[in-house]
Amino acid sequence: MWLLFAALSALFAGASSILAKIGISDTDSNLCTALRTAVVLIFSWIMVFITGEATELSSIDGRTLIF
């Protein structure tokens, strides 16, 4: 199953890059990268809360957060 998820991840990463280049062709590449990163960050936190893993945030020690 993990192999399927890895393949889909690679496929969507490539598609995201291509679509972003087409959609934001007249904008600075650094700004586009920052926007894509922000979208990924938002959806990552959404997945953390959907799966219920947010309760484990308090158990992470400072050293782990730094790394």
PDB file of N, CA and C in Angstrom:
ATOM      1  N   MET A   1       0.818  -1.199   0.000  1.00  0.00           N
ATOM      2  CA  MET A   1       0.000   0.000   0.000  1.00  0.00           C
ATOM      3  C   MET A   1       0.865   1.268   0.000  1.00  0.00           C
ATOM      4  N   TRP A   2       1.982   1.200   0.754  1.00  0.00           N
ATOM      5  CA  TRP A   2       2.828   2.385   0.831  1.00  0.00           C
ATOM      6  C   TRP A   2       3.462   2.705  -0.515  1.00  0.00           C
ATOM      7  N   LEU A   3       3.672   1.686  -1.321  1.00  0.00           N
ATOM      8  CA  LEU A   3       4.246   1.909  -2.648  1.00  0.00           C
ATOM      9  C   LEU A   3       3.269   2.707  -3.522  1.00  0.00           C
ATOM     10  N   LEU A   4       2.000   2.412  -3.414  1.00  0.00           N
ATOM     11  CA  LEU A   4       0.977   3.165  -4.140  1.00  0.00           C
ATOM     12  C   LEU A   4       0.961   4.620  -3.683  1.00  0.00           C
ATOM     13  N   PHE A   5       1.017   4.838  -2.370  1.00  0.00           N
ATOM     14  CA  PHE A   5       1.028   6.200  -1.849  1.00  0.00           C
ATOM     15  C   PHE A   5       2.269   6.963  -2.300  1.00  0.00           C
ATOM     16  N   ALA A   6       3.404   6.298  -2.348  1.00  0.00           N
ATOM     17  CA  ALA A   6       4.637   6.944  -2.805  1.00  0.00           C
ATOM     18  C   ALA A   6       4.540   7.334  -4.273  1.00  0.00           C
ATOM     19  N   ALA A   7       3.984   6.447  -5.085  1.00  0.00           N
ATOM     20  CA  ALA A   7       3.824   6.752  -6.510  1.00  0.00           C
ATOM     21  C   ALA A   7       2.852   7.899  -6.717  1.00  0.00           C
ATOM     22  N   LEU A   8       1.752   7.883  -5.990  1.00  0.00           N
ATOM     23  CA  LEU A   8       0.782   8.979  -6.108  1.00  0.00           C
ATOM     24  C   LEU A   8       1.383  10.299  -5.627  1.00  0.00           C
ATOM     25  N   SER A   9       2.175  10.239  -4.579  1.00  0.00           N
ATOM     26  CA  SER A   9       2.828  11.449  -4.079  1.00  0.00           C
ATOM     27  C   SER A   9       3.749  12.049  -5.134  1.00  0.00           C
ATOM     28  N   ALA A  10       4.525  11.211  -5.785  1.00  0.00           N
ATOM     29  CA  ALA A  10       5.422  11.685  -6.840  1.00  0.00           C
ATOM     30  C   ALA A  10       4.628  12.258  -8.011  1.00  0.00           C
ATOM     31  N   LEU A  11       3.552  11.593  -8.371  1.00  0.00           N
ATOM     32  CA  LEU A  11       2.712  12.065  -9.466  1.00  0.00           C
ATOM     33  C   LEU A  11       2.115  13.438  -9.158  1.00  0.00           C
ATOM     34  N   PHE A  12       1.553  13.588  -7.961  1.00  0.00           N
ATOM     35  CA  PHE A  12       0.926  14.859  -7.608  1.00  0.00           C
ATOM     36  C   PHE A  12       1.950  15.967  -7.406  1.00  0.00           C
ATOM     37  N   ALA A  13       3.140  15.632  -6.934  1.00  0.00           N
ATOM     38  CA  ALA A  13       4.188  16.645  -6.789  1.00  0.00           C
ATOM     39  C   ALA A  13       4.591  17.179  -8.156  1.00  0.00           C
ATOM     40  N   GLY A  14       4.734  16.289  -9.114  1.00  0.00           N
ATOM     41  CA  GLY A  14       5.069  16.725 -10.470  1.00  0.00           C
ATOM     42  C   GLY A  14       3.960  17.542 -11.097  1.00  0.00           C
ATOM     43  N   ALA A  15       2.729  17.095 -10.918  1.00  0.00           N
ATOM     44  CA  ALA A  15       1.583  17.821 -11.469  1.00  0.00           C
ATOM     45  C   ALA A  15       1.453  19.196 -10.826  1.00  0.00           C
ATOM     46  N   SER A  16       1.690  19.273  -9.539  1.00  0.00           N
ATOM     47  CA  SER A  16       1.613  20.553  -8.837  1.00  0.00           C
ATOM     48  C   SER A  16       2.631  21.536  -9.383  1.00  0.00           C
ATOM     49  N   SER A  17       3.832  21.067  -9.608  1.00  0.00           N
ATOM     50  CA  SER A  17       4.883  21.927 -10.136  1.00  0.00           C
ATOM     51  C   SER A  17       4.548  22.431 -11.536  1.00  0.00           C
ATOM     52  N   ILE A  18       4.062  21.535 -12.376  1.00  0.00           N
ATOM     53  CA  ILE A  18       3.708  21.920 -13.754  1.00  0.00           C
ATOM     54  C   ILE A  18       2.548  22.893 -13.770  1.00  0.00           C
ATOM     55  N   LEU A  19       1.498  22.601 -13.020  1.00  0.00           N
ATOM     56  CA  LEU A  19       0.334  23.487 -12.989  1.00  0.00           C
ATOM     57  C   LEU A  19       0.663  24.845 -12.384  1.00  0.00           C
ATOM     58  N   ALA A  20       1.532  24.860 -11.378  1.00  0.00           N
ATOM     59  CA  ALA A  20       1.926  26.134 -10.783  1.00  0.00           C
ATOM     60  C   ALA A  20       2.700  26.973 -11.778  1.00  0.00           C
ATOM     61  N   LYS A  21       3.561  26.349 -12.549  1.00  0.00           N
ATOM     62  CA  LYS A  21       4.339  27.085 -13.552  1.00  0.00           C
ATOM     63  C   LYS A  21       3.435  27.666 -14.632  1.00  0.00           C
ATOM     64  N   ILE A  22       2.421  26.910 -15.034  1.00  0.00           N
ATOM     65  CA  ILE A  22       1.488  27.393 -16.049  1.00  0.00           C
ATOM     66  C   ILE A  22       0.613  28.517 -15.495  1.00  0.00           C
ATOM     67  N   GLY A  23       0.122  28.328 -14.276  1.00  0.00           N
ATOM     68  CA  GLY A  23      -0.836  29.268 -13.695  1.00  0.00           C
ATOM     69  C   GLY A  23      -0.227  30.572 -13.226  1.00  0.00           C
ATOM     70  N   ILE A  24       1.023  30.559 -12.811  1.00  0.00           N
ATOM     71  CA  ILE A  24       1.646  31.750 -12.245  1.00  0.00           C
ATOM     72  C   ILE A  24       2.896  32.081 -13.047  1.00  0.00           C
ATOM     73  N   SER A  25       2.738  32.282 -14.325  1.00  0.00           N
ATOM     74  CA  SER A  25       3.905  32.457 -15.197  1.00  0.00           C
ATOM     75  C   SER A  25       4.531  33.846 -15.101  1.00  0.00           C
ATOM     76  N   ASP A  26       3.793  34.857 -14.692  1.00  0.00           N
ATOM     77  CA  ASP A  26       4.326  36.218 -14.666  1.00  0.00           C
ATOM     78  C   ASP A  26       4.700  36.683 -13.263  1.00  0.00           C
ATOM     79  N   THR A  27       4.861  35.737 -12.332  1.00  0.00           N
ATOM     80  CA  THR A  27       5.160  36.071 -10.945  1.00  0.00           C
ATOM     81  C   THR A  27       6.542  35.541 -10.581  1.00  0.00           C
ATOM     82  N   ASP A  28       7.194  36.209  -9.639  1.00  0.00           N
ATOM     83  CA  ASP A  28       8.524  35.812  -9.191  1.00  0.00           C
ATOM     84  C   ASP A  28       8.512  34.375  -8.670  1.00  0.00           C
ATOM     85  N   SER A  29       9.527  33.606  -9.028  1.00  0.00           N
ATOM     86  CA  SER A  29       9.558  32.190  -8.659  1.00  0.00           C
ATOM     87  C   SER A  29       9.670  31.986  -7.147  1.00  0.00           C
ATOM     88  N   ASN A  30      10.355  32.888  -6.445  1.00  0.00           N
ATOM     89  CA  ASN A  30      10.454  32.762  -4.988  1.00  0.00           C
ATOM     90  C   ASN A  30       9.098  32.960  -4.326  1.00  0.00           C
ATOM     91  N   LEU A  31       8.330  33.901  -4.824  1.00  0.00           N
ATOM     92  CA  LEU A  31       6.993  34.129  -4.294  1.00  0.00           C
ATOM     93  C   LEU A  31       6.100  32.921  -4.554  1.00  0.00           C
ATOM     94  N   CYS A  32       6.207  32.346  -5.722  1.00  0.00           N
ATOM     95  CA  CYS A  32       5.414  31.162  -6.049  1.00  0.00           C
ATOM     96  C   CYS A  32       5.772  29.988  -5.151  1.00  0.00           C
ATOM     97  N   THR A  33       7.051  29.815  -4.885  1.00  0.00           N
ATOM     98  CA  THR A  33       7.487  28.741  -4.004  1.00  0.00           C
ATOM     99  C   THR A  33       6.945  28.957  -2.593  1.00  0.00           C
ATOM    100  N   ALA A  34       6.973  30.190  -2.130  1.00  0.00           N
ATOM    101  CA  ALA A  34       6.443  30.496  -0.802  1.00  0.00           C
ATOM    102  C   ALA A  34       4.943  30.221  -0.724  1.00  0.00           C
ATOM    103  N   LEU A  35       4.221  30.565  -1.778  1.00  0.00           N
ATOM    104  CA  LEU A  35       2.775  30.318  -1.789  1.00  0.00           C
ATOM    105  C   LEU A  35       2.456  28.826  -1.793  1.00  0.00           C
ATOM    106  N   ARG A  36       3.176  28.064  -2.608  1.00  0.00           N
ATOM    107  CA  ARG A  36       2.959  26.610  -2.639  1.00  0.00           C
ATOM    108  C   ARG A  36       3.290  25.985  -1.298  1.00  0.00           C
ATOM    109  N   THR A  37       4.368  26.459  -0.674  1.00  0.00           N
ATOM    110  CA  THR A  37       4.752  25.933   0.627  1.00  0.00           C
ATOM    111  C   THR A  37       3.689  26.234   1.675  1.00  0.00           C
ATOM    112  N   ALA A  38       3.111  27.420   1.623  1.00  0.00           N
ATOM    113  CA  ALA A  38       2.063  27.779   2.564  1.00  0.00           C
ATOM    114  C   ALA A  38       0.834  26.883   2.385  1.00  0.00           C
ATOM    115  N   VAL A  39       0.485  26.593   1.157  1.00  0.00           N
ATOM    116  CA  VAL A  39      -0.663  25.717   0.896  1.00  0.00           C
ATOM    117  C   VAL A  39      -0.395  24.308   1.430  1.00  0.00           C
ATOM    118  N   VAL A  40       0.805  23.801   1.201  1.00  0.00           N
ATOM    119  CA  VAL A  40       1.156  22.470   1.705  1.00  0.00           C
ATOM    120  C   VAL A  40       1.132  22.458   3.233  1.00  0.00           C
ATOM    121  N   LEU A  41       1.637  23.503   3.853  1.00  0.00           N
ATOM    122  CA  LEU A  41       1.631  23.595   5.311  1.00  0.00           C
ATOM    123  C   LEU A  41       0.216  23.584   5.865  1.00  0.00           C
ATOM    124  N   ILE A  42      -0.661  24.341   5.252  1.00  0.00           N
ATOM    125  CA  ILE A  42      -2.061  24.386   5.700  1.00  0.00           C
ATOM    126  C   ILE A  42      -2.710  23.016   5.594  1.00  0.00           C
ATOM    127  N   PHE A  43      -2.535  22.353   4.455  1.00  0.00           N
ATOM    128  CA  PHE A  43      -3.153  21.042   4.287  1.00  0.00           C
ATOM    129  C   PHE A  43      -2.511  19.987   5.190  1.00  0.00           C
ATOM    130  N   SER A  44      -1.232  20.135   5.493  1.00  0.00           N
ATOM    131  CA  SER A  44      -0.582  19.214   6.426  1.00  0.00           C
ATOM    132  C   SER A  44      -1.205  19.326   7.813  1.00  0.00           C
ATOM    133  N   TRP A  45      -1.440  20.547   8.278  1.00  0.00           N
ATOM    134  CA  TRP A  45      -2.075  20.734   9.590  1.00  0.00           C
ATOM    135  C   TRP A  45      -3.514  20.244   9.580  1.00  0.00           C
ATOM    136  N   ILE A  46      -4.201  20.417   8.467  1.00  0.00           N
ATOM    137  CA  ILE A  46      -5.567  19.892   8.366  1.00  0.00           C
ATOM    138  C   ILE A  46      -5.551  18.375   8.535  1.00  0.00           C
ATOM    139  N   MET A  47      -4.591  17.703   7.896  1.00  0.00           N
ATOM    140  CA  MET A  47      -4.495  16.250   8.022  1.00  0.00           C
ATOM    141  C   MET A  47      -4.151  15.823   9.450  1.00  0.00           C
ATOM    142  N   VAL A  48      -3.320  16.596  10.126  1.00  0.00           N
ATOM    143  CA  VAL A  48      -2.984  16.283  11.520  1.00  0.00           C
ATOM    144  C   VAL A  48      -4.242  16.326  12.382  1.00  0.00           C
ATOM    145  N   PHE A  49      -5.078  17.324  12.179  1.00  0.00           N
ATOM    146  CA  PHE A  49      -6.285  17.437  12.984  1.00  0.00           C
ATOM    147  C   PHE A  49      -7.350  16.422  12.583  1.00  0.00           C
ATOM    148  N   ILE A  50      -7.444  16.103  11.300  1.00  0.00           N
ATOM    149  CA  ILE A  50      -8.426  15.107  10.848  1.00  0.00           C
ATOM    150  C   ILE A  50      -8.093  13.729  11.418  1.00  0.00           C
ATOM    151  N   THR A  51      -6.815  13.382  11.429  1.00  0.00           N
ATOM    152  CA  THR A  51      -6.420  12.058  11.915  1.00  0.00           C
ATOM    153  C   THR A  51      -6.363  11.977  13.436  1.00  0.00           C
ATOM    154  N   GLY A  52      -6.504  13.097  14.116  1.00  0.00           N
ATOM    155  CA  GLY A  52      -6.501  13.101  15.579  1.00  0.00           C
ATOM    156  C   GLY A  52      -5.122  13.058  16.196  1.00  0.00           C
ATOM    157  N   GLU A  53      -4.095  13.305  15.425  1.00  0.00           N
ATOM    158  CA  GLU A  53      -2.727  13.252  15.935  1.00  0.00           C
ATOM    159  C   GLU A  53      -2.320  14.533  16.662  1.00  0.00           C
ATOM    160  N   ALA A  54      -3.160  15.541  16.657  1.00  0.00           N
ATOM    161  CA  ALA A  54      -2.819  16.811  17.289  1.00  0.00           C
ATOM    162  C   ALA A  54      -2.676  16.675  18.801  1.00  0.00           C
ATOM    163  N   THR A  55      -3.270  15.651  19.376  1.00  0.00           N
ATOM    164  CA  THR A  55      -3.172  15.462  20.828  1.00  0.00           C
ATOM    165  C   THR A  55      -1.759  15.116  21.263  1.00  0.00           C
ATOM    166  N   GLU A  56      -0.936  14.650  20.340  1.00  0.00           N
ATOM    167  CA  GLU A  56       0.439  14.272  20.668  1.00  0.00           C
ATOM    168  C   GLU A  56       1.409  15.457  20.658  1.00  0.00           C
ATOM    169  N   LEU A  57       0.935  16.641  20.308  1.00  0.00           N
ATOM    170  CA  LEU A  57       1.819  17.805  20.245  1.00  0.00           C
ATOM    171  C   LEU A  57       2.431  18.126  21.597  1.00  0.00           C
ATOM    172  N   SER A  58       1.675  17.948  22.656  1.00  0.00           N
ATOM    173  CA  SER A  58       2.186  18.295  23.990  1.00  0.00           C
ATOM    174  C   SER A  58       3.256  17.325  24.469  1.00  0.00           C
ATOM    175  N   SER A  59       3.350  16.150  23.873  1.00  0.00           N
ATOM    176  CA  SER A  59       4.344  15.168  24.312  1.00  0.00           C
ATOM    177  C   SER A  59       5.696  15.323  23.604  1.00  0.00           C
ATOM    178  N   ILE A  60       5.807  16.261  22.684  1.00  0.00           N
ATOM    179  CA  ILE A  60       7.069  16.475  21.963  1.00  0.00           C
ATOM    180  C   ILE A  60       7.971  17.354  22.813  1.00  0.00           C
ATOM    181  N   ASP A  61       9.199  16.896  23.049  1.00  0.00           N
ATOM    182  CA  ASP A  61      10.120  17.687  23.863  1.00  0.00           C
ATOM    183  C   ASP A  61      10.822  18.756  23.011  1.00  0.00           C
ATOM    184  N   GLY A  62      11.468  19.677  23.674  1.00  0.00           N
ATOM    185  CA  GLY A  62      12.103  20.812  23.000  1.00  0.00           C
ATOM    186  C   GLY A  62      13.195  20.419  22.024  1.00  0.00           C
ATOM    187  N   ARG A  63      13.978  19.396  22.384  1.00  0.00           N
ATOM    188  CA  ARG A  63      15.063  18.953  21.510  1.00  0.00           C
ATOM    189  C   ARG A  63      14.522  18.449  20.178  1.00  0.00           C
ATOM    190  N   THR A  64      13.420  17.703  20.249  1.00  0.00           N
ATOM    191  CA  THR A  64      12.801  17.173  19.028  1.00  0.00           C
ATOM    192  C   THR A  64      12.265  18.310  18.168  1.00  0.00           C
ATOM    193  N   LEU A  65      11.681  19.310  18.783  1.00  0.00           N
ATOM    194  CA  LEU A  65      11.166  20.448  18.019  1.00  0.00           C
ATOM    195  C   LEU A  65      12.278  21.221  17.305  1.00  0.00           C
ATOM    196  N   ILE A  66      13.434  21.324  17.960  1.00  0.00           N
ATOM    197  CA  ILE A  66      14.546  22.043  17.351  1.00  0.00           C
ATOM    198  C   ILE A  66      15.034  21.321  16.093  1.00  0.00           C
ATOM    199  N   PHE A  67      15.114  19.984  16.182  1.00  0.00           N
ATOM    200  CA  PHE A  67      15.578  19.223  15.029  1.00  0.00           C
ATOM    201  C   PHE A  67      14.489  19.033  14.023  1.00  0.00           C
TER     202      PHE A  67
END
